[in-house]
Amino acid sequence: MRQLLGIVILKAIYNVALHPLAGYPGPLLSGASPIANALRIFSGRGCHAVLTLHERYGPVVRLGPSHLSYTDVGAWKDVHGIFYPTPSS
């Protein structure tokens, strides 16, 4: 049991400090574990919570150890490498 707890703690420390996404802004708990994001989703207020996080942290927010949320439409091409045409005015 102590070994399992040690592994969980070490994984959380890795996620917060050494993970490739560690430099992105967001709540510390979100960077440490996917549990915080799961709670946001299952509470039924996931979209509202993410909007609040963007208002606090800016256009890029770390929602989980391996999850980022972007508000910039131009990020689609950067993130996915695909061009999505936008309707012209």
N, C-alpha and C. Protein backbone atom coordinates (compact mmCIF):
# COMPACT_ATOMS: atom_id res chain seq x y z
N MET A 1 0.82 -1.19 0.00
CA MET A 1 0.00 0.00 0.00
C MET A 1 0.87 1.26 0.00
N ARG A 2 1.94 1.24 0.79
CA ARG A 2 2.83 2.40 0.86
C ARG A 2 3.53 2.62 -0.48
N GLN A 3 3.85 1.50 -1.16
CA GLN A 3 4.51 1.62 -2.46
C GLN A 3 3.57 2.26 -3.47
N LEU A 4 2.31 1.86 -3.45
CA LEU A 4 1.33 2.43 -4.36
C LEU A 4 1.16 3.93 -4.11
N LEU A 5 1.06 4.31 -2.86
CA LEU A 5 0.94 5.72 -2.51
C LEU A 5 2.18 6.50 -2.97
N GLY A 6 3.35 5.91 -2.81
CA GLY A 6 4.58 6.54 -3.27
C GLY A 6 4.59 6.75 -4.77
N ILE A 7 4.11 5.75 -5.52
CA ILE A 7 4.05 5.86 -6.98
C ILE A 7 3.09 6.96 -7.40
N VAL A 8 1.95 7.04 -6.75
CA VAL A 8 0.95 8.07 -7.07
C VAL A 8 1.53 9.46 -6.80
N ILE A 9 2.21 9.62 -5.69
CA ILE A 9 2.81 10.91 -5.34
C ILE A 9 3.91 11.28 -6.33
N LEU A 10 4.76 10.32 -6.68
CA LEU A 10 5.83 10.59 -7.65
C LEU A 10 5.27 10.94 -9.02
N LYS A 11 4.21 10.26 -9.43
CA LYS A 11 3.57 10.57 -10.72
C LYS A 11 3.00 11.98 -10.71
N ALA A 12 2.37 12.38 -9.62
CA ALA A 12 1.81 13.73 -9.50
C ALA A 12 2.93 14.77 -9.57
N ILE A 13 4.04 14.52 -8.89
CA ILE A 13 5.17 15.44 -8.92
C ILE A 13 5.74 15.54 -10.34
N TYR A 14 5.87 14.40 -11.00
CA TYR A 14 6.34 14.40 -12.39
C TYR A 14 5.40 15.24 -13.27
N ASN A 15 4.09 15.00 -13.14
CA ASN A 15 3.12 15.71 -13.97
C ASN A 15 3.19 17.23 -13.77
N VAL A 16 3.41 17.65 -12.55
CA VAL A 16 3.43 19.09 -12.25
C VAL A 16 4.76 19.73 -12.64
N ALA A 17 5.87 19.04 -12.43
CA ALA A 17 7.18 19.67 -12.59
C ALA A 17 7.94 19.28 -13.87
N LEU A 18 7.80 18.05 -14.33
CA LEU A 18 8.67 17.57 -15.40
C LEU A 18 7.95 17.21 -16.70
N HIS A 19 6.66 17.10 -16.68
CA HIS A 19 5.87 16.73 -17.86
C HIS A 19 6.08 17.77 -18.95
N PRO A 20 6.06 17.37 -20.23
CA PRO A 20 6.23 18.34 -21.31
C PRO A 20 5.22 19.50 -21.30
N LEU A 21 4.05 19.30 -20.71
CA LEU A 21 3.04 20.37 -20.64
C LEU A 21 3.10 21.14 -19.33
N ALA A 22 4.11 20.90 -18.51
CA ALA A 22 4.19 21.53 -17.19
C ALA A 22 4.28 23.05 -17.25
N GLY A 23 4.75 23.60 -18.34
CA GLY A 23 4.90 25.05 -18.44
C GLY A 23 3.62 25.81 -18.75
N TYR A 24 2.55 25.09 -19.05
CA TYR A 24 1.30 25.77 -19.39
C TYR A 24 0.53 26.13 -18.13
N PRO A 25 -0.17 27.27 -18.16
CA PRO A 25 -0.90 27.71 -16.96
C PRO A 25 -2.14 26.89 -16.69
N GLY A 26 -2.52 26.83 -15.44
CA GLY A 26 -3.73 26.13 -15.03
C GLY A 26 -3.63 25.77 -13.56
N PRO A 27 -4.72 25.28 -13.01
CA PRO A 27 -4.72 24.89 -11.60
C PRO A 27 -3.70 23.78 -11.34
N LEU A 28 -3.04 23.84 -10.21
CA LEU A 28 -2.02 22.85 -9.85
C LEU A 28 -2.60 21.44 -9.81
N LEU A 29 -3.76 21.29 -9.23
CA LEU A 29 -4.38 19.97 -9.14
C LEU A 29 -4.70 19.40 -10.52
N SER A 30 -5.08 20.27 -11.45
CA SER A 30 -5.36 19.80 -12.81
C SER A 30 -4.10 19.27 -13.48
N GLY A 31 -2.98 19.90 -13.22
CA GLY A 31 -1.73 19.42 -13.79
C GLY A 31 -1.24 18.14 -13.15
N ALA A 32 -1.61 17.92 -11.90
CA ALA A 32 -1.13 16.75 -11.17
C ALA A 32 -1.91 15.48 -11.50
N SER A 33 -3.21 15.62 -11.74
CA SER A 33 -4.06 14.44 -11.89
C SER A 33 -5.26 14.73 -12.78
N PRO A 34 -5.74 13.74 -13.51
CA PRO A 34 -6.93 13.94 -14.34
C PRO A 34 -8.24 13.97 -13.53
N ILE A 35 -8.15 13.76 -12.24
CA ILE A 35 -9.35 13.69 -11.41
C ILE A 35 -10.11 15.02 -11.40
N ALA A 36 -9.40 16.14 -11.32
CA ALA A 36 -10.06 17.44 -11.27
C ALA A 36 -10.87 17.69 -12.53
N ASN A 37 -10.32 17.34 -13.69
CA ASN A 37 -11.05 17.52 -14.94
C ASN A 37 -12.26 16.60 -15.01
N ALA A 38 -12.11 15.38 -14.54
CA ALA A 38 -13.24 14.44 -14.53
C ALA A 38 -14.36 14.96 -13.64
N LEU A 39 -14.02 15.52 -12.51
CA LEU A 39 -15.04 16.09 -11.61
C LEU A 39 -15.76 17.26 -12.27
N ARG A 40 -15.02 18.10 -13.01
CA ARG A 40 -15.64 19.22 -13.72
C ARG A 40 -16.64 18.70 -14.75
N ILE A 41 -16.27 17.67 -15.48
CA ILE A 41 -17.14 17.13 -16.52
C ILE A 41 -18.37 16.48 -15.91
N PHE A 42 -18.18 15.63 -14.92
CA PHE A 42 -19.30 14.90 -14.33
C PHE A 42 -20.23 15.77 -13.49
N SER A 43 -19.76 16.96 -13.11
CA SER A 43 -20.62 17.86 -12.34
C SER A 43 -21.68 18.51 -13.23
N GLY A 44 -21.49 18.42 -14.55
CA GLY A 44 -22.43 19.04 -15.47
C GLY A 44 -22.10 20.50 -15.74
N ARG A 45 -21.05 21.01 -15.16
CA ARG A 45 -20.66 22.40 -15.35
C ARG A 45 -19.28 22.51 -16.00
N GLY A 46 -18.91 21.48 -16.75
CA GLY A 46 -17.58 21.45 -17.36
C GLY A 46 -17.28 22.65 -18.23
N CYS A 47 -18.22 23.01 -19.12
CA CYS A 47 -17.99 24.14 -20.03
C CYS A 47 -17.88 25.45 -19.26
N HIS A 48 -18.73 25.64 -18.27
CA HIS A 48 -18.68 26.87 -17.47
C HIS A 48 -17.38 26.94 -16.67
N ALA A 49 -16.95 25.81 -16.15
CA ALA A 49 -15.71 25.77 -15.38
C ALA A 49 -14.51 26.07 -16.26
N VAL A 50 -14.50 25.54 -17.48
CA VAL A 50 -13.38 25.79 -18.40
C VAL A 50 -13.37 27.27 -18.80
N LEU A 51 -14.54 27.85 -19.03
CA LEU A 51 -14.61 29.27 -19.34
C LEU A 51 -14.03 30.11 -18.20
N THR A 52 -14.38 29.75 -16.97
CA THR A 52 -13.85 30.45 -15.81
C THR A 52 -12.33 30.31 -15.74
N LEU A 53 -11.82 29.12 -16.04
CA LEU A 53 -10.37 28.92 -16.04
C LEU A 53 -9.69 29.78 -17.11
N HIS A 54 -10.31 29.89 -18.30
CA HIS A 54 -9.74 30.73 -19.35
C HIS A 54 -9.76 32.20 -18.94
N GLU A 55 -10.80 32.63 -18.25
CA GLU A 55 -10.84 34.02 -17.78
C GLU A 55 -9.73 34.28 -16.77
N ARG A 56 -9.38 33.27 -16.00
CA ARG A 56 -8.34 33.45 -14.98
C ARG A 56 -6.93 33.28 -15.53
N TYR A 57 -6.72 32.25 -16.39
CA TYR A 57 -5.36 31.89 -16.82
C TYR A 57 -5.01 32.35 -18.24
N GLY A 58 -5.99 32.71 -19.06
CA GLY A 58 -5.69 33.18 -20.41
C GLY A 58 -6.16 32.22 -21.49
N PRO A 59 -5.64 32.40 -22.73
CA PRO A 59 -6.15 31.64 -23.88
C PRO A 59 -5.74 30.17 -23.93
N VAL A 60 -4.74 29.78 -23.16
CA VAL A 60 -4.33 28.37 -23.10
C VAL A 60 -4.35 27.95 -21.63
N VAL A 61 -5.08 26.85 -21.35
CA VAL A 61 -5.21 26.37 -19.98
C VAL A 61 -4.95 24.87 -19.95
N ARG A 62 -4.21 24.44 -18.96
CA ARG A 62 -3.96 23.01 -18.76
C ARG A 62 -5.09 22.43 -17.92
N LEU A 63 -5.88 21.54 -18.53
CA LEU A 63 -7.03 20.95 -17.85
C LEU A 63 -6.70 19.62 -17.18
N GLY A 64 -5.63 19.01 -17.60
CA GLY A 64 -5.21 17.73 -17.03
C GLY A 64 -3.75 17.52 -17.37
N PRO A 65 -3.17 16.46 -16.87
CA PRO A 65 -1.75 16.23 -17.14
C PRO A 65 -1.40 16.23 -18.63
N SER A 66 -2.30 15.75 -19.46
CA SER A 66 -2.04 15.67 -20.91
C SER A 66 -3.10 16.39 -21.73
N HIS A 67 -3.82 17.34 -21.12
CA HIS A 67 -4.91 18.02 -21.82
C HIS A 67 -4.77 19.54 -21.72
N LEU A 68 -4.84 20.20 -22.89
CA LEU A 68 -4.84 21.65 -22.94
C LEU A 68 -6.13 22.11 -23.59
N SER A 69 -6.57 23.30 -23.21
CA SER A 69 -7.74 23.92 -23.83
C SER A 69 -7.31 25.25 -24.40
N TYR A 70 -7.70 25.49 -25.67
CA TYR A 70 -7.36 26.73 -26.36
C TYR A 70 -8.62 27.50 -26.68
N THR A 71 -8.54 28.83 -26.64
CA THR A 71 -9.67 29.65 -27.06
C THR A 71 -9.43 30.28 -28.42
N ASP A 72 -8.21 30.20 -28.93
CA ASP A 72 -7.87 30.81 -30.21
C ASP A 72 -8.21 29.85 -31.34
N VAL A 73 -9.00 30.34 -32.31
CA VAL A 73 -9.39 29.51 -33.45
C VAL A 73 -8.17 29.10 -34.26
N GLY A 74 -7.17 29.97 -34.34
CA GLY A 74 -5.96 29.66 -35.09
C GLY A 74 -5.17 28.50 -34.50
N ALA A 75 -5.46 28.12 -33.29
CA ALA A 75 -4.75 27.02 -32.65
C ALA A 75 -5.07 25.68 -33.30
N TRP A 76 -6.23 25.55 -33.95
CA TRP A 76 -6.59 24.28 -34.58
C TRP A 76 -5.51 23.82 -35.55
N LYS A 77 -5.04 24.73 -36.40
CA LYS A 77 -4.01 24.34 -37.36
C LYS A 77 -2.71 24.01 -36.66
N ASP A 78 -2.33 24.83 -35.65
CA ASP A 78 -1.08 24.57 -34.93
C ASP A 78 -1.12 23.24 -34.19
N VAL A 79 -2.25 22.95 -33.56
CA VAL A 79 -2.37 21.75 -32.74
C VAL A 79 -2.55 20.50 -33.59
N HIS A 80 -3.45 20.57 -34.56
CA HIS A 80 -3.81 19.37 -35.32
C HIS A 80 -3.11 19.27 -36.67
N GLY A 81 -2.47 20.36 -37.13
CA GLY A 81 -1.79 20.32 -38.41
C GLY A 81 -2.76 20.26 -39.58
N ILE A 82 -3.99 20.67 -39.37
CA ILE A 82 -5.03 20.60 -40.41
C ILE A 82 -5.61 22.00 -40.57
N PHE A 83 -5.87 22.36 -41.78
CA PHE A 83 -6.50 23.65 -42.04
C PHE A 83 -8.00 23.47 -42.14
N TYR A 84 -8.71 24.16 -41.29
CA TYR A 84 -10.18 24.17 -41.34
C TYR A 84 -10.61 25.52 -41.89
N PRO A 85 -11.18 25.53 -43.09
CA PRO A 85 -11.57 26.82 -43.65
C PRO A 85 -12.68 27.47 -42.84
N THR A 86 -12.60 28.79 -42.73
CA THR A 86 -13.64 29.53 -42.03
C THR A 86 -14.54 30.20 -43.07
N PRO A 87 -15.83 30.34 -42.77
CA PRO A 87 -16.72 30.97 -43.74
C PRO A 87 -16.33 32.44 -43.95
N SER A 88 -16.40 32.88 -45.21
CA SER A 88 -16.09 34.29 -45.47
C SER A 88 -17.31 35.15 -45.21
N SER A 89 -17.03 36.40 -44.84
CA SER A 89 -18.12 37.32 -44.54
C SER A 89 -18.77 37.83 -45.79
